[in-house]
């Protein structure tokens, strides 16, 4: 399930993303959102985010919300 709406995401959420180098295989990386990089309200391939560890990719699934607004 690709998360394609920016309004569904915020900092502190745990998500699964696909990194650029993993797009062919679809391998998912789990992390906590630090920044939302996509400026438009939606994107067909998923919203691009930066995780707290610095990795950047497109959100494929929301795992849980663990922080404040």
N, C-alpha and C. Protein backbone atom coordinates (compact mmCIF):
# COMPACT_ATOMS: atom_id res chain seq x y z
N UNK A 1 0.84 -1.18 0.00
CA UNK A 1 0.00 0.00 0.00
C UNK A 1 0.89 1.25 0.00
N UNK A 2 0.86 2.01 -1.05
CA UNK A 2 1.63 3.25 -1.13
C UNK A 2 0.85 4.37 -0.45
N UNK A 3 1.53 5.12 0.39
CA UNK A 3 0.92 6.28 1.03
C UNK A 3 1.18 7.47 0.10
N UNK A 4 0.15 7.92 -0.59
CA UNK A 4 0.34 8.95 -1.61
C UNK A 4 -0.19 10.32 -1.20
N UNK A 5 -0.72 10.45 0.00
CA UNK A 5 -1.24 11.74 0.48
C UNK A 5 -0.32 12.31 1.55
N UNK A 6 0.19 13.51 1.31
CA UNK A 6 1.10 14.18 2.25
C UNK A 6 0.41 14.42 3.59
N UNK A 7 -0.89 14.70 3.57
CA UNK A 7 -1.64 15.01 4.80
C UNK A 7 -1.73 13.81 5.74
N UNK A 8 -1.40 12.61 5.27
CA UNK A 8 -1.45 11.40 6.10
C UNK A 8 -0.19 11.21 6.93
N UNK A 9 0.83 12.05 6.71
CA UNK A 9 2.13 11.85 7.33
C UNK A 9 2.56 13.04 8.16
N UNK A 10 3.35 12.79 9.19
CA UNK A 10 3.97 13.86 9.96
C UNK A 10 5.20 13.30 10.69
N UNK A 11 6.03 14.20 11.17
CA UNK A 11 7.25 13.80 11.89
C UNK A 11 6.89 12.96 13.10
N UNK A 12 7.70 11.94 13.34
CA UNK A 12 7.49 11.07 14.49
C UNK A 12 6.81 9.76 14.15
N UNK A 13 6.25 9.63 12.96
CA UNK A 13 5.58 8.39 12.57
C UNK A 13 6.62 7.35 12.17
N UNK A 14 6.37 6.10 12.51
CA UNK A 14 7.19 4.99 12.04
C UNK A 14 6.59 4.51 10.73
N UNK A 15 7.43 4.45 9.70
CA UNK A 15 6.97 4.09 8.36
C UNK A 15 7.93 3.11 7.70
N UNK A 16 7.45 2.45 6.67
CA UNK A 16 8.29 1.65 5.79
C UNK A 16 8.46 2.43 4.50
N UNK A 17 9.73 2.62 4.08
CA UNK A 17 10.01 3.34 2.84
C UNK A 17 10.78 2.43 1.90
N UNK A 18 10.78 2.79 0.63
CA UNK A 18 11.65 2.13 -0.33
C UNK A 18 12.70 3.15 -0.75
N UNK A 19 13.96 2.78 -0.58
CA UNK A 19 15.08 3.64 -0.95
C UNK A 19 15.25 3.60 -2.46
N UNK A 20 15.88 4.63 -3.03
CA UNK A 20 16.09 4.71 -4.48
C UNK A 20 16.77 3.44 -5.01
N UNK A 21 17.82 2.99 -4.32
CA UNK A 21 18.56 1.81 -4.79
C UNK A 21 17.78 0.51 -4.63
N UNK A 22 16.68 0.54 -3.87
CA UNK A 22 15.88 -0.66 -3.65
C UNK A 22 14.58 -0.67 -4.46
N UNK A 23 14.40 0.31 -5.35
CA UNK A 23 13.14 0.40 -6.08
C UNK A 23 12.88 -0.83 -6.94
N UNK A 24 13.92 -1.41 -7.54
CA UNK A 24 13.73 -2.61 -8.39
C UNK A 24 13.28 -3.81 -7.59
N UNK A 25 13.85 -3.99 -6.39
CA UNK A 25 13.53 -5.16 -5.58
C UNK A 25 12.32 -4.93 -4.69
N UNK A 26 12.05 -3.66 -4.35
CA UNK A 26 10.93 -3.35 -3.47
C UNK A 26 11.26 -3.55 -2.00
N UNK A 27 12.56 -3.74 -1.67
CA UNK A 27 12.97 -3.93 -0.28
C UNK A 27 12.59 -2.71 0.55
N UNK A 28 11.97 -2.95 1.69
CA UNK A 28 11.51 -1.87 2.56
C UNK A 28 12.49 -1.60 3.69
N UNK A 29 12.58 -0.34 4.08
CA UNK A 29 13.41 0.10 5.19
C UNK A 29 12.49 0.79 6.19
N UNK A 30 12.59 0.40 7.46
CA UNK A 30 11.73 0.97 8.49
C UNK A 30 12.46 2.07 9.24
N UNK A 31 11.74 3.14 9.55
CA UNK A 31 12.34 4.23 10.32
C UNK A 31 11.30 5.24 10.74
N UNK A 32 11.77 6.27 11.43
CA UNK A 32 10.90 7.33 11.94
C UNK A 32 11.11 8.57 11.09
N UNK A 33 10.01 9.18 10.65
CA UNK A 33 10.07 10.36 9.79
C UNK A 33 10.67 11.54 10.54
N UNK A 34 11.66 12.17 9.92
CA UNK A 34 12.23 13.42 10.43
C UNK A 34 11.68 14.59 9.62
N UNK A 35 11.73 14.48 8.27
CA UNK A 35 11.27 15.56 7.38
C UNK A 35 10.45 14.97 6.25
N UNK A 36 9.42 15.71 5.83
CA UNK A 36 8.66 15.35 4.64
C UNK A 36 9.20 16.20 3.50
N UNK A 37 9.71 15.56 2.45
CA UNK A 37 10.39 16.26 1.38
C UNK A 37 9.49 16.61 0.20
N UNK A 38 8.46 15.82 -0.05
CA UNK A 38 7.52 16.11 -1.14
C UNK A 38 6.69 17.33 -0.77
N UNK A 39 6.66 18.33 -1.63
CA UNK A 39 5.92 19.57 -1.35
C UNK A 39 4.47 19.50 -1.83
N UNK A 40 4.20 18.72 -2.87
CA UNK A 40 2.84 18.64 -3.39
C UNK A 40 1.96 17.81 -2.44
N UNK A 41 0.65 17.99 -2.49
CA UNK A 41 -0.25 17.27 -1.57
C UNK A 41 -0.30 15.77 -1.79
N UNK A 42 0.09 15.31 -3.00
CA UNK A 42 0.09 13.87 -3.26
C UNK A 42 1.14 13.54 -4.31
N UNK A 43 1.50 12.26 -4.38
CA UNK A 43 2.44 11.78 -5.38
C UNK A 43 2.09 10.32 -5.67
N UNK A 44 1.99 9.95 -6.95
CA UNK A 44 1.54 8.59 -7.29
C UNK A 44 2.47 7.47 -6.81
N UNK A 45 3.75 7.76 -6.61
CA UNK A 45 4.70 6.72 -6.18
C UNK A 45 4.99 6.77 -4.70
N UNK A 46 4.32 7.64 -3.97
CA UNK A 46 4.54 7.77 -2.53
C UNK A 46 5.21 9.07 -2.19
N UNK A 47 4.98 9.52 -0.98
CA UNK A 47 5.55 10.78 -0.50
C UNK A 47 7.00 10.54 -0.08
N UNK A 48 7.89 11.42 -0.54
CA UNK A 48 9.31 11.28 -0.21
C UNK A 48 9.58 11.89 1.15
N UNK A 49 10.28 11.13 2.00
CA UNK A 49 10.61 11.57 3.35
C UNK A 49 12.07 11.31 3.68
N UNK A 50 12.57 12.02 4.69
CA UNK A 50 13.89 11.74 5.27
C UNK A 50 13.65 11.15 6.64
N UNK A 51 14.29 10.02 6.91
CA UNK A 51 14.17 9.38 8.21
C UNK A 51 15.15 10.01 9.20
N UNK A 52 14.98 9.73 10.48
CA UNK A 52 15.85 10.28 11.52
C UNK A 52 17.30 9.87 11.32
N UNK A 53 17.55 8.73 10.67
CA UNK A 53 18.93 8.29 10.42
C UNK A 53 19.51 8.86 9.12
N UNK A 54 18.73 9.72 8.43
CA UNK A 54 19.22 10.40 7.23
C UNK A 54 18.87 9.74 5.92
N UNK A 55 18.33 8.53 5.94
CA UNK A 55 17.95 7.86 4.69
C UNK A 55 16.73 8.53 4.08
N UNK A 56 16.69 8.56 2.74
CA UNK A 56 15.60 9.21 2.01
C UNK A 56 14.94 8.18 1.10
N UNK A 57 13.61 8.17 1.12
CA UNK A 57 12.87 7.27 0.25
C UNK A 57 11.39 7.61 0.24
N UNK A 58 10.63 6.83 -0.51
CA UNK A 58 9.19 7.05 -0.63
C UNK A 58 8.42 6.12 0.31
N UNK A 59 7.44 6.69 1.01
CA UNK A 59 6.66 5.93 2.00
C UNK A 59 5.77 4.92 1.29
N UNK A 60 5.86 3.68 1.75
CA UNK A 60 5.01 2.61 1.24
C UNK A 60 3.98 2.15 2.25
N UNK A 61 4.26 2.36 3.54
CA UNK A 61 3.29 1.94 4.57
C UNK A 61 3.56 2.70 5.87
N UNK A 62 2.48 3.00 6.58
CA UNK A 62 2.58 3.58 7.91
C UNK A 62 2.55 2.43 8.91
N UNK A 63 3.55 2.39 9.80
CA UNK A 63 3.61 1.32 10.80
C UNK A 63 2.90 1.79 12.08
N UNK A 64 3.33 2.95 12.62
CA UNK A 64 2.66 3.51 13.80
C UNK A 64 3.10 4.95 14.00
N UNK A 65 2.32 5.64 14.82
CA UNK A 65 2.64 7.02 15.17
C UNK A 65 3.15 7.01 16.60
N UNK A 66 4.35 7.57 16.83
CA UNK A 66 4.96 7.48 18.16
C UNK A 66 5.38 8.82 18.75
N UNK A 67 5.02 9.94 18.11
CA UNK A 67 5.50 11.21 18.64
C UNK A 67 4.40 12.25 18.73
N UNK A 68 4.81 13.47 19.05
CA UNK A 68 3.89 14.59 19.12
C UNK A 68 3.88 15.35 17.83
N UNK A 69 2.95 16.29 17.71
CA UNK A 69 2.85 17.09 16.47
C UNK A 69 3.96 18.08 16.37
